[in-house]
Amino acid sequence: MPLVIYTVLRLGIFAGAIGLGYLAGLRGLLLLLLAVVVAFAVSYLALPRQKDAAAAWLAERAQRRADAKGGGKQGIDRVIDEDAAAEDAAFDDPAPRGPAVDDPASRGER
C-alpha cells in the first residue's frame, strides 16, 4: 500500500506542476518538460519518507516471494545461479541453431 500512496502523491505533484505552469502561460512540450522537472525535484525533496516506505515494502514483498519459492536469500542466489548457468550453456553450445541470416551457402547458391 505504501507504493500506491507514493505514486498518488507524485502524480498529484505532477498535476499541480502542470496546473501552475499552465496558469503561468506555458503551453505544449515546454509545459510538460518543466512540469516533469519540477515534479521530480519537489517529490525528491518532499517525499523521502514515502519513498523509503515504498522501497521497504517492495523489498519485503520480494523477500516473501523468494521465501515462497524456497530459500530466502539463498533462494534468490539459487535463481541467479540457475540463470547464469543457462546463459553460460547457451553461449558455450558449439552446435549452431540454424543457418546464418541470408547466407547464400545455406540455400545452395554460390
PDB file of N, CA and C in Angstrom:
ATOM      1  N   MET A   1       0.797  -1.201   0.000  1.00  0.00           N
ATOM      2  CA  MET A   1       0.000   0.000   0.000  1.00  0.00           C
ATOM      3  C   MET A   1       0.848   1.279   0.000  1.00  0.00           C
ATOM      4  N   PRO A   2       2.035   1.283   0.613  1.00  0.00           N
ATOM      5  CA  PRO A   2       2.860   2.498   0.559  1.00  0.00           C
ATOM      6  C   PRO A   2       3.241   2.887  -0.867  1.00  0.00           C
ATOM      7  N   LEU A   3       3.351   1.897  -1.748  1.00  0.00           N
ATOM      8  CA  LEU A   3       3.687   2.191  -3.135  1.00  0.00           C
ATOM      9  C   LEU A   3       2.564   2.976  -3.811  1.00  0.00           C
ATOM     10  N   VAL A   4       1.331   2.618  -3.518  1.00  0.00           N
ATOM     11  CA  VAL A   4       0.182   3.324  -4.091  1.00  0.00           C
ATOM     12  C   VAL A   4       0.136   4.758  -3.570  1.00  0.00           C
ATOM     13  N   ILE A   5       0.355   4.925  -2.284  1.00  0.00           N
ATOM     14  CA  ILE A   5       0.339   6.265  -1.693  1.00  0.00           C
ATOM     15  C   ILE A   5       1.426   7.135  -2.312  1.00  0.00           C
ATOM     16  N   TYR A   6       2.623   6.591  -2.426  1.00  0.00           N
ATOM     17  CA  TYR A   6       3.741   7.334  -3.009  1.00  0.00           C
ATOM     18  C   TYR A   6       3.445   7.712  -4.462  1.00  0.00           C
ATOM     19  N   THR A   7       2.881   6.777  -5.220  1.00  0.00           N
ATOM     20  CA  THR A   7       2.568   7.040  -6.624  1.00  0.00           C
ATOM     21  C   THR A   7       1.497   8.119  -6.759  1.00  0.00           C
ATOM     22  N   VAL A   8       0.468   8.039  -5.944  1.00  0.00           N
ATOM     23  CA  VAL A   8      -0.603   9.040  -5.998  1.00  0.00           C
ATOM     24  C   VAL A   8      -0.068  10.421  -5.621  1.00  0.00           C
ATOM     25  N   LEU A   9       0.772  10.486  -4.605  1.00  0.00           N
ATOM     26  CA  LEU A   9       1.352  11.774  -4.214  1.00  0.00           C
ATOM     27  C   LEU A   9       2.212  12.356  -5.333  1.00  0.00           C
ATOM     28  N   ARG A  10       3.011  11.511  -5.976  1.00  0.00           N
ATOM     29  CA  ARG A  10       3.856  12.003  -7.069  1.00  0.00           C
ATOM     30  C   ARG A  10       3.016  12.467  -8.251  1.00  0.00           C
ATOM     31  N   LEU A  11       1.953  11.721  -8.558  1.00  0.00           N
ATOM     32  CA  LEU A  11       1.076  12.152  -9.645  1.00  0.00           C
ATOM     33  C   LEU A  11       0.365  13.458  -9.300  1.00  0.00           C
ATOM     34  N   GLY A  12       0.004  13.624  -8.028  1.00  0.00           N
ATOM     35  CA  GLY A  12      -0.612  14.878  -7.592  1.00  0.00           C
ATOM     36  C   GLY A  12       0.350  16.055  -7.731  1.00  0.00           C
ATOM     37  N   ILE A  13       1.590  15.840  -7.367  1.00  0.00           N
ATOM     38  CA  ILE A  13       2.595  16.896  -7.516  1.00  0.00           C
ATOM     39  C   ILE A  13       2.783  17.230  -8.993  1.00  0.00           C
ATOM     40  N   PHE A  14       2.805  16.207  -9.841  1.00  0.00           N
ATOM     41  CA  PHE A  14       2.945  16.427 -11.280  1.00  0.00           C
ATOM     42  C   PHE A  14       1.756  17.222 -11.827  1.00  0.00           C
ATOM     43  N   ALA A  15       0.554  16.846 -11.411  1.00  0.00           N
ATOM     44  CA  ALA A  15      -0.640  17.570 -11.863  1.00  0.00           C
ATOM     45  C   ALA A  15      -0.607  19.014 -11.383  1.00  0.00           C
ATOM     46  N   GLY A  16      -0.174  19.222 -10.147  1.00  0.00           N
ATOM     47  CA  GLY A  16      -0.051  20.583  -9.630  1.00  0.00           C
ATOM     48  C   GLY A  16       0.965  21.397 -10.409  1.00  0.00           C
ATOM     49  N   ALA A  17       2.082  20.768 -10.778  1.00  0.00           N
ATOM     50  CA  ALA A  17       3.101  21.471 -11.560  1.00  0.00           C
ATOM     51  C   ALA A  17       2.559  21.836 -12.944  1.00  0.00           C
ATOM     52  N   ILE A  18       1.780  20.933 -13.535  1.00  0.00           N
ATOM     53  CA  ILE A  18       1.173  21.244 -14.830  1.00  0.00           C
ATOM     54  C   ILE A  18       0.194  22.408 -14.685  1.00  0.00           C
ATOM     55  N   GLY A  19      -0.611  22.375 -13.635  1.00  0.00           N
ATOM     56  CA  GLY A  19      -1.570  23.457 -13.408  1.00  0.00           C
ATOM     57  C   GLY A  19      -0.887  24.794 -13.205  1.00  0.00           C
ATOM     58  N   LEU A  20       0.152  24.820 -12.390  1.00  0.00           N
ATOM     59  CA  LEU A  20       0.873  26.074 -12.163  1.00  0.00           C
ATOM     60  C   LEU A  20       1.553  26.567 -13.436  1.00  0.00           C
ATOM     61  N   GLY A  21       2.127  25.637 -14.197  1.00  0.00           N
ATOM     62  CA  GLY A  21       2.753  26.031 -15.460  1.00  0.00           C
ATOM     63  C   GLY A  21       1.746  26.579 -16.449  1.00  0.00           C
ATOM     64  N   TYR A  22       0.575  25.969 -16.482  1.00  0.00           N
ATOM     65  CA  TYR A  22      -0.473  26.431 -17.384  1.00  0.00           C
ATOM     66  C   TYR A  22      -0.936  27.838 -16.997  1.00  0.00           C
ATOM     67  N   LEU A  23      -1.115  28.040 -15.682  1.00  0.00           N
ATOM     68  CA  LEU A  23      -1.514  29.376 -15.212  1.00  0.00           C
ATOM     69  C   LEU A  23      -0.433  30.418 -15.480  1.00  0.00           C
ATOM     70  N   ALA A  24       0.822  29.956 -15.519  1.00  0.00           N
ATOM     71  CA  ALA A  24       1.929  30.880 -15.786  1.00  0.00           C
ATOM     72  C   ALA A  24       2.069  31.177 -17.278  1.00  0.00           C
ATOM     73  N   GLY A  25       1.268  30.499 -18.106  1.00  0.00           N
ATOM     74  CA  GLY A  25       1.296  30.797 -19.532  1.00  0.00           C
ATOM     75  C   GLY A  25       2.085  29.807 -20.371  1.00  0.00           C
ATOM     76  N   LEU A  26       2.575  28.757 -19.782  1.00  0.00           N
ATOM     77  CA  LEU A  26       3.315  27.763 -20.554  1.00  0.00           C
ATOM     78  C   LEU A  26       2.334  26.851 -21.282  1.00  0.00           C
ATOM     79  N   ARG A  27       2.734  26.406 -22.464  1.00  0.00           N
ATOM     80  CA  ARG A  27       1.889  25.506 -23.241  1.00  0.00           C
ATOM     81  C   ARG A  27       2.777  24.470 -23.929  1.00  0.00           C
ATOM     82  N   GLY A  28       2.167  23.382 -24.341  1.00  0.00           N
ATOM     83  CA  GLY A  28       2.834  22.385 -25.171  1.00  0.00           C
ATOM     84  C   GLY A  28       3.926  21.611 -24.471  1.00  0.00           C
ATOM     85  N   LEU A  29       4.942  21.292 -25.249  1.00  0.00           N
ATOM     86  CA  LEU A  29       6.033  20.455 -24.776  1.00  0.00           C
ATOM     87  C   LEU A  29       6.817  21.118 -23.643  1.00  0.00           C
ATOM     88  N   LEU A  30       6.983  22.418 -23.716  1.00  0.00           N
ATOM     89  CA  LEU A  30       7.693  23.135 -22.656  1.00  0.00           C
ATOM     90  C   LEU A  30       6.976  22.970 -21.315  1.00  0.00           C
ATOM     91  N   LEU A  31       5.664  23.028 -21.330  1.00  0.00           N
ATOM     92  CA  LEU A  31       4.875  22.837 -20.111  1.00  0.00           C
ATOM     93  C   LEU A  31       5.133  21.452 -19.527  1.00  0.00           C
ATOM     94  N   LEU A  32       5.080  20.427 -20.358  1.00  0.00           N
ATOM     95  CA  LEU A  32       5.292  19.062 -19.871  1.00  0.00           C
ATOM     96  C   LEU A  32       6.708  18.855 -19.353  1.00  0.00           C
ATOM     97  N   LEU A  33       7.692  19.327 -20.093  1.00  0.00           N
ATOM     98  CA  LEU A  33       9.080  19.154 -19.661  1.00  0.00           C
ATOM     99  C   LEU A  33       9.350  19.860 -18.337  1.00  0.00           C
ATOM    100  N   LEU A  34       8.884  21.081 -18.217  1.00  0.00           N
ATOM    101  CA  LEU A  34       9.089  21.819 -16.978  1.00  0.00           C
ATOM    102  C   LEU A  34       8.324  21.176 -15.822  1.00  0.00           C
ATOM    103  N   ALA A  35       7.121  20.677 -16.091  1.00  0.00           N
ATOM    104  CA  ALA A  35       6.338  20.007 -15.052  1.00  0.00           C
ATOM    105  C   ALA A  35       7.035  18.738 -14.568  1.00  0.00           C
ATOM    106  N   VAL A  36       7.634  17.992 -15.468  1.00  0.00           N
ATOM    107  CA  VAL A  36       8.363  16.776 -15.082  1.00  0.00           C
ATOM    108  C   VAL A  36       9.543  17.133 -14.185  1.00  0.00           C
ATOM    109  N   VAL A  37      10.304  18.133 -14.569  1.00  0.00           N
ATOM    110  CA  VAL A  37      11.479  18.534 -13.776  1.00  0.00           C
ATOM    111  C   VAL A  37      11.052  19.047 -12.403  1.00  0.00           C
ATOM    112  N   VAL A  38      10.046  19.906 -12.374  1.00  0.00           N
ATOM    113  CA  VAL A  38       9.577  20.462 -11.102  1.00  0.00           C
ATOM    114  C   VAL A  38       8.998  19.364 -10.219  1.00  0.00           C
ATOM    115  N   ALA A  39       8.186  18.463 -10.795  1.00  0.00           N
ATOM    116  CA  ALA A  39       7.583  17.384 -10.011  1.00  0.00           C
ATOM    117  C   ALA A  39       8.655  16.458  -9.456  1.00  0.00           C
ATOM    118  N   PHE A  40       9.685  16.176 -10.247  1.00  0.00           N
ATOM    119  CA  PHE A  40      10.776  15.336  -9.755  1.00  0.00           C
ATOM    120  C   PHE A  40      11.469  16.001  -8.574  1.00  0.00           C
ATOM    121  N   ALA A  41      11.811  17.275  -8.716  1.00  0.00           N
ATOM    122  CA  ALA A  41      12.526  17.972  -7.651  1.00  0.00           C
ATOM    123  C   ALA A  41      11.685  18.074  -6.377  1.00  0.00           C
ATOM    124  N   VAL A  42      10.428  18.429  -6.529  1.00  0.00           N
ATOM    125  CA  VAL A  42       9.561  18.576  -5.354  1.00  0.00           C
ATOM    126  C   VAL A  42       9.341  17.233  -4.673  1.00  0.00           C
ATOM    127  N   SER A  43       9.082  16.183  -5.441  1.00  0.00           N
ATOM    128  CA  SER A  43       8.849  14.876  -4.814  1.00  0.00           C
ATOM    129  C   SER A  43      10.128  14.335  -4.182  1.00  0.00           C
ATOM    130  N   TYR A  44      11.274  14.629  -4.770  1.00  0.00           N
ATOM    131  CA  TYR A  44      12.551  14.197  -4.183  1.00  0.00           C
ATOM    132  C   TYR A  44      12.776  14.870  -2.833  1.00  0.00           C
ATOM    133  N   LEU A  45      12.429  16.135  -2.746  1.00  0.00           N
ATOM    134  CA  LEU A  45      12.647  16.880  -1.505  1.00  0.00           C
ATOM    135  C   LEU A  45      11.526  16.688  -0.487  1.00  0.00           C
ATOM    136  N   ALA A  46      10.299  16.496  -0.955  1.00  0.00           N
ATOM    137  CA  ALA A  46       9.156  16.490  -0.040  1.00  0.00           C
ATOM    138  C   ALA A  46       8.682  15.098   0.369  1.00  0.00           C
ATOM    139  N   LEU A  47       9.086  14.053  -0.360  1.00  0.00           N
ATOM    140  CA  LEU A  47       8.533  12.727  -0.086  1.00  0.00           C
ATOM    141  C   LEU A  47       9.583  11.654   0.249  1.00  0.00           C
ATOM    142  N   PRO A  48      10.629  11.968   0.995  1.00  0.00           N
ATOM    143  CA  PRO A  48      11.622  10.910   1.258  1.00  0.00           C
ATOM    144  C   PRO A  48      11.081   9.785   2.145  1.00  0.00           C
ATOM    145  N   ARG A  49      10.214  10.110   3.111  1.00  0.00           N
ATOM    146  CA  ARG A  49       9.662   9.045   3.968  1.00  0.00           C
ATOM    147  C   ARG A  49       8.774   8.118   3.166  1.00  0.00           C
ATOM    148  N   GLN A  50       7.945   8.668   2.305  1.00  0.00           N
ATOM    149  CA  GLN A  50       7.057   7.849   1.494  1.00  0.00           C
ATOM    150  C   GLN A  50       7.862   6.984   0.513  1.00  0.00           C
ATOM    151  N   LYS A  51       8.935   7.568  -0.035  1.00  0.00           N
ATOM    152  CA  LYS A  51       9.789   6.817  -0.957  1.00  0.00           C
ATOM    153  C   LYS A  51      10.454   5.656  -0.235  1.00  0.00           C
ATOM    154  N   ASP A  52      10.976   5.907   0.963  1.00  0.00           N
ATOM    155  CA  ASP A  52      11.613   4.848   1.737  1.00  0.00           C
ATOM    156  C   ASP A  52      10.619   3.764   2.141  1.00  0.00           C
ATOM    157  N   ALA A  53       9.400   4.171   2.494  1.00  0.00           N
ATOM    158  CA  ALA A  53       8.377   3.194   2.859  1.00  0.00           C
ATOM    159  C   ALA A  53       8.008   2.332   1.652  1.00  0.00           C
ATOM    160  N   ALA A  54       7.898   2.938   0.471  1.00  0.00           N
ATOM    161  CA  ALA A  54       7.575   2.178  -0.735  1.00  0.00           C
ATOM    162  C   ALA A  54       8.703   1.216  -1.086  1.00  0.00           C
ATOM    163  N   ALA A  55       9.943   1.677  -0.963  1.00  0.00           N
ATOM    164  CA  ALA A  55      11.087   0.809  -1.255  1.00  0.00           C
ATOM    165  C   ALA A  55      11.156  -0.356  -0.265  1.00  0.00           C
ATOM    166  N   ALA A  56      10.899  -0.080   1.009  1.00  0.00           N
ATOM    167  CA  ALA A  56      10.905  -1.149   2.007  1.00  0.00           C
ATOM    168  C   ALA A  56       9.793  -2.156   1.741  1.00  0.00           C
ATOM    169  N   TRP A  57       8.628  -1.666   1.347  1.00  0.00           N
ATOM    170  CA  TRP A  57       7.513  -2.552   1.037  1.00  0.00           C
ATOM    171  C   TRP A  57       7.848  -3.457  -0.142  1.00  0.00           C
ATOM    172  N   LEU A  58       8.475  -2.873  -1.193  1.00  0.00           N
ATOM    173  CA  LEU A  58       8.863  -3.670  -2.349  1.00  0.00           C
ATOM    174  C   LEU A  58       9.921  -4.704  -1.985  1.00  0.00           C
ATOM    175  N   ALA A  59      10.889  -4.324  -1.159  1.00  0.00           N
ATOM    176  CA  ALA A  59      11.923  -5.268  -0.743  1.00  0.00           C
ATOM    177  C   ALA A  59      11.326  -6.399   0.090  1.00  0.00           C
ATOM    178  N   GLU A  60      10.398  -6.055   0.975  1.00  0.00           N
ATOM    179  CA  GLU A  60       9.745  -7.079   1.789  1.00  0.00           C
ATOM    180  C   GLU A  60       8.934  -8.030   0.914  1.00  0.00           C
ATOM    181  N   ARG A  61       8.259  -7.479  -0.073  1.00  0.00           N
ATOM    182  CA  ARG A  61       7.461  -8.302  -0.985  1.00  0.00           C
ATOM    183  C   ARG A  61       8.360  -9.239  -1.783  1.00  0.00           C
ATOM    184  N   ALA A  62       9.494  -8.735  -2.246  1.00  0.00           N
ATOM    185  CA  ALA A  62      10.437  -9.579  -2.982  1.00  0.00           C
ATOM    186  C   ALA A  62      10.980 -10.689  -2.087  1.00  0.00           C
ATOM    187  N   GLN A  63      11.235 -10.357  -0.836  1.00  0.00           N
ATOM    188  CA  GLN A  63      11.738 -11.360   0.104  1.00  0.00           C
ATOM    189  C   GLN A  63      10.682 -12.437   0.360  1.00  0.00           C
ATOM    190  N   ARG A  64       9.427 -12.022   0.515  1.00  0.00           N
ATOM    191  CA  ARG A  64       8.347 -13.004   0.717  1.00  0.00           C
ATOM    192  C   ARG A  64       8.206 -13.925  -0.483  1.00  0.00           C
ATOM    193  N   ARG A  65       8.320 -13.362  -1.681  1.00  0.00           N
ATOM    194  CA  ARG A  65       8.219 -14.186  -2.884  1.00  0.00           C
ATOM    195  C   ARG A  65       9.385 -15.162  -2.965  1.00  0.00           C
ATOM    196  N   ALA A  66      10.571 -14.702  -2.589  1.00  0.00           N
ATOM    197  CA  ALA A  66      11.734 -15.590  -2.602  1.00  0.00           C
ATOM    198  C   ALA A  66      11.577 -16.693  -1.562  1.00  0.00           C
ATOM    199  N   ASP A  67      11.039 -16.334  -0.402  1.00  0.00           N
ATOM    200  CA  ASP A  67      10.813 -17.331   0.642  1.00  0.00           C
ATOM    201  C   ASP A  67       9.779 -18.356   0.187  1.00  0.00           C
ATOM    202  N   ALA A  68       8.766 -17.899  -0.535  1.00  0.00           N
ATOM    203  CA  ALA A  68       7.724 -18.804  -1.010  1.00  0.00           C
ATOM    204  C   ALA A  68       8.282 -19.783  -2.043  1.00  0.00           C
ATOM    205  N   LYS A  69       9.262 -19.326  -2.804  1.00  0.00           N
ATOM    206  CA  LYS A  69       9.898 -20.218  -3.781  1.00  0.00           C
ATOM    207  C   LYS A  69      10.904 -21.136  -3.105  1.00  0.00           C
ATOM    208  N   GLY A  70      11.207 -20.817  -1.864  1.00  0.00           N
ATOM    209  CA  GLY A  70      12.080 -21.696  -1.101  1.00  0.00           C
ATOM    210  C   GLY A  70      13.492 -21.180  -0.970  1.00  0.00           C
ATOM    211  N   GLY A  71      13.785 -20.640   0.191  1.00  0.00           N
ATOM    212  CA  GLY A  71      15.182 -20.369   0.464  1.00  0.00           C
ATOM    213  C   GLY A  71      15.565 -18.959   0.805  1.00  0.00           C
ATOM    214  N   GLY A  72      14.686 -18.002   0.756  1.00  0.00           N
ATOM    215  CA  GLY A  72      15.052 -16.630   1.127  1.00  0.00           C
ATOM    216  C   GLY A  72      16.197 -16.125   0.285  1.00  0.00           C
ATOM    217  N   LYS A  73      17.218 -15.587   0.931  1.00  0.00           N
ATOM    218  CA  LYS A  73      18.390 -15.064   0.231  1.00  0.00           C
ATOM    219  C   LYS A  73      19.056 -16.172  -0.565  1.00  0.00           C
ATOM    220  N   GLN A  74      19.102 -17.353   0.022  1.00  0.00           N
ATOM    221  CA  GLN A  74      19.691 -18.470  -0.700  1.00  0.00           C
ATOM    222  C   GLN A  74      18.847 -18.801  -1.937  1.00  0.00           C
ATOM    223  N   GLY A  75      17.531 -18.644  -1.828  1.00  0.00           N
ATOM    224  CA  GLY A  75      16.661 -18.893  -2.975  1.00  0.00           C
ATOM    225  C   GLY A  75      16.925 -17.919  -4.098  1.00  0.00           C
ATOM    226  N   ILE A  76      17.140 -16.658  -3.757  1.00  0.00           N
ATOM    227  CA  ILE A  76      17.456 -15.651  -4.770  1.00  0.00           C
ATOM    228  C   ILE A  76      18.792 -15.986  -5.415  1.00  0.00           C
ATOM    229  N   ASP A  77      19.784 -16.330  -4.593  1.00  0.00           N
ATOM    230  CA  ASP A  77      21.092 -16.698  -5.129  1.00  0.00           C
ATOM    231  C   ASP A  77      20.992 -17.923  -6.026  1.00  0.00           C
ATOM    232  N   ARG A  78      20.128 -18.870  -5.644  1.00  0.00           N
ATOM    233  CA  ARG A  78      19.954 -20.077  -6.445  1.00  0.00           C
ATOM    234  C   ARG A  78      19.360 -19.727  -7.805  1.00  0.00           C
ATOM    235  N   VAL A  79      18.367 -18.851  -7.823  1.00  0.00           N
ATOM    236  CA  VAL A  79      17.751 -18.444  -9.094  1.00  0.00           C
ATOM    237  C   VAL A  79      18.768 -17.726  -9.963  1.00  0.00           C
ATOM    238  N   ILE A  80      19.572 -16.864  -9.363  1.00  0.00           N
ATOM    239  CA  ILE A  80      20.608 -16.157 -10.126  1.00  0.00           C
ATOM    240  C   ILE A  80      21.617 -17.142 -10.682  1.00  0.00           C
ATOM    241  N   ASP A  81      22.028 -18.123  -9.881  1.00  0.00           N
ATOM    242  CA  ASP A  81      22.982 -19.122 -10.348  1.00  0.00           C
ATOM    243  C   ASP A  81      22.401 -19.955 -11.483  1.00  0.00           C
ATOM    244  N   GLU A  82      21.110 -20.314 -11.383  1.00  0.00           N
ATOM    245  CA  GLU A  82      20.474 -21.080 -12.452  1.00  0.00           C
ATOM    246  C   GLU A  82      20.412 -20.268 -13.734  1.00  0.00           C
ATOM    247  N   ASP A  83      20.096 -18.991 -13.626  1.00  0.00           N
ATOM    248  CA  ASP A  83      20.055 -18.127 -14.807  1.00  0.00           C
ATOM    249  C   ASP A  83      21.439 -18.005 -15.440  1.00  0.00           C
ATOM    250  N   ALA A  84      22.446 -17.824 -14.610  1.00  0.00           N
ATOM    251  CA  ALA A  84      23.814 -17.700 -15.116  1.00  0.00           C
ATOM    252  C   ALA A  84      24.248 -18.998 -15.798  1.00  0.00           C
ATOM    253  N   ALA A  85      23.895 -20.133 -15.222  1.00  0.00           N
ATOM    254  CA  ALA A  85      24.250 -21.418 -15.826  1.00  0.00           C
ATOM    255  C   ALA A  85      23.560 -21.594 -17.175  1.00  0.00           C
ATOM    256  N   ALA A  86      22.304 -21.178 -17.268  1.00  0.00           N
ATOM    257  CA  ALA A  86      21.580 -21.283 -18.541  1.00  0.00           C
ATOM    258  C   ALA A  86      22.217 -20.391 -19.601  1.00  0.00           C
ATOM    259  N   GLU A  87      22.614 -19.179 -19.215  1.00  0.00           N
ATOM    260  CA  GLU A  87      23.277 -18.284 -20.163  1.00  0.00           C
ATOM    261  C   GLU A  87      24.616 -18.854 -20.595  1.00  0.00           C
ATOM    262  N   ASP A  88      25.394 -19.384 -19.647  1.00  0.00           N
ATOM    263  CA  ASP A  88      26.684 -19.974 -19.981  1.00  0.00           C
ATOM    264  C   ASP A  88      26.510 -21.141 -20.951  1.00  0.00           C
ATOM    265  N   ALA A  89      25.512 -21.971 -20.702  1.00  0.00           N
ATOM    266  CA  ALA A  89      25.272 -23.107 -21.575  1.00  0.00           C
ATOM    267  C   ALA A  89      24.888 -22.647 -22.975  1.00  0.00           C
ATOM    268  N   ALA A  90      24.114 -21.582 -23.076  1.00  0.00           N
ATOM    269  CA  ALA A  90      23.698 -21.076 -24.384  1.00  0.00           C
ATOM    270  C   ALA A  90      24.883 -20.543 -25.176  1.00  0.00           C
ATOM    271  N   PHE A  91      25.814 -19.894 -24.507  1.00  0.00           N
ATOM    272  CA  PHE A  91      26.969 -19.342 -25.197  1.00  0.00           C
ATOM    273  C   PHE A  91      28.036 -20.392 -25.466  1.00  0.00           C
ATOM    274  N   ASP A  92      28.128 -21.409 -24.634  1.00  0.00           N
ATOM    275  CA  ASP A  92      29.147 -22.437 -24.786  1.00  0.00           C
ATOM    276  C   ASP A  92      28.727 -23.546 -25.740  1.00  0.00           C
ATOM    277  N   ASP A  93      27.465 -23.592 -26.131  1.00  0.00           N
ATOM    278  CA  ASP A  93      26.953 -24.643 -27.004  1.00  0.00           C
ATOM    279  C   ASP A  93      27.560 -24.483 -28.394  1.00  0.00           C
ATOM    280  N   PRO A  94      28.362 -25.458 -28.848  1.00  0.00           N
ATOM    281  CA  PRO A  94      29.022 -25.314 -30.154  1.00  0.00           C
ATOM    282  C   PRO A  94      28.086 -25.578 -31.325  1.00  0.00           C
ATOM    283  N   ALA A  95      26.944 -26.202 -31.072  1.00  0.00           N
ATOM    284  CA  ALA A  95      26.027 -26.525 -32.161  1.00  0.00           C
ATOM    285  C   ALA A  95      25.304 -25.269 -32.615  1.00  0.00           C
ATOM    286  N   PRO A  96      25.360 -24.974 -33.909  1.00  0.00           N
ATOM    287  CA  PRO A  96      24.643 -23.787 -34.400  1.00  0.00           C
ATOM    288  C   PRO A  96      23.141 -24.014 -34.350  1.00  0.00           C
ATOM    289  N   ARG A  97      22.413 -22.963 -34.194  1.00  0.00           N
ATOM    290  CA  ARG A  97      20.958 -23.042 -34.075  1.00  0.00           C
ATOM    291  C   ARG A  97      20.272 -23.031 -35.438  1.00  0.00           C
ATOM    292  N   GLY A  98      20.988 -22.735 -36.492  1.00  0.00           N
ATOM    293  CA  GLY A  98      20.387 -22.676 -37.809  1.00  0.00           C
ATOM    294  C   GLY A  98      21.325 -21.946 -38.753  1.00  0.00           C
ATOM    295  N   PRO A  99      20.928 -21.784 -40.001  1.00  0.00           N
ATOM    296  CA  PRO A  99      21.807 -21.093 -40.948  1.00  0.00           C
ATOM    297  C   PRO A  99      21.951 -19.624 -40.581  1.00  0.00           C
ATOM    298  N   ALA A 100      23.055 -19.069 -40.986  1.00  0.00           N
ATOM    299  CA  ALA A 100      23.286 -17.648 -40.764  1.00  0.00           C
ATOM    300  C   ALA A 100      22.243 -16.856 -41.531  1.00  0.00           C
ATOM    301  N   VAL A 101      21.993 -15.662 -41.101  1.00  0.00           N
ATOM    302  CA  VAL A 101      20.985 -14.820 -41.736  1.00  0.00           C
ATOM    303  C   VAL A 101      21.399 -14.499 -43.164  1.00  0.00           C
ATOM    304  N   ASP A 102      20.528 -14.825 -44.110  1.00  0.00           N
ATOM    305  CA  ASP A 102      20.730 -14.529 -45.518  1.00  0.00           C
ATOM    306  C   ASP A 102      22.098 -15.000 -46.006  1.00  0.00           C
ATOM    307  N   ASP A 103      22.437 -16.264 -45.692  1.00  0.00           N
ATOM    308  CA  ASP A 103      23.697 -16.858 -46.107  1.00  0.00           C
ATOM    309  C   ASP A 103      23.445 -17.628 -47.399  1.00  0.00           C
ATOM    310  N   PRO A 104      24.022 -17.200 -48.527  1.00  0.00           N
ATOM    311  CA  PRO A 104      23.780 -17.884 -49.789  1.00  0.00           C
ATOM    312  C   PRO A 104      24.201 -19.356 -49.743  1.00  0.00           C
ATOM    313  N   ALA A 105      25.240 -19.686 -48.975  1.00  0.00           N
ATOM    314  CA  ALA A 105      25.697 -21.067 -48.897  1.00  0.00           C
ATOM    315  C   ALA A 105      24.646 -21.967 -48.273  1.00  0.00           C
ATOM    316  N   SER A 106      23.815 -21.442 -47.391  1.00  0.00           N
ATOM    317  CA  SER A 106      22.801 -22.261 -46.761  1.00  0.00           C
ATOM    318  C   SER A 106      21.654 -22.571 -47.707  1.00  0.00           C
ATOM    319  N   ARG A 107      21.542 -21.802 -48.804  1.00  0.00           N
ATOM    320  CA  ARG A 107      20.483 -22.045 -49.790  1.00  0.00           C
ATOM    321  C   ARG A 107      20.990 -22.856 -50.973  1.00  0.00           C
ATOM    322  N   GLY A 108      22.276 -23.187 -50.964  1.00  0.00           N
ATOM    323  CA  GLY A 108      22.852 -23.970 -52.070  1.00  0.00           C
ATOM    324  C   GLY A 108      23.334 -23.092 -53.206  1.00  0.00           C
ATOM    325  N   GLU A 109      23.385 -21.800 -53.031  1.00  0.00           N
ATOM    326  CA  GLU A 109      23.856 -20.890 -54.076  1.00  0.00           C
ATOM    327  C   GLU A 109      25.353 -20.694 -53.940  1.00  0.00           C
ATOM    328  N   ARG A 110      25.952 -20.275 -55.015  1.00  0.00           N
ATOM    329  CA  ARG A 110      27.392 -19.981 -54.974  1.00  0.00           C
ATOM    330  C   ARG A 110      27.651 -18.568 -55.307  1.00  0.00           C
TER     331      ARG A 110
END
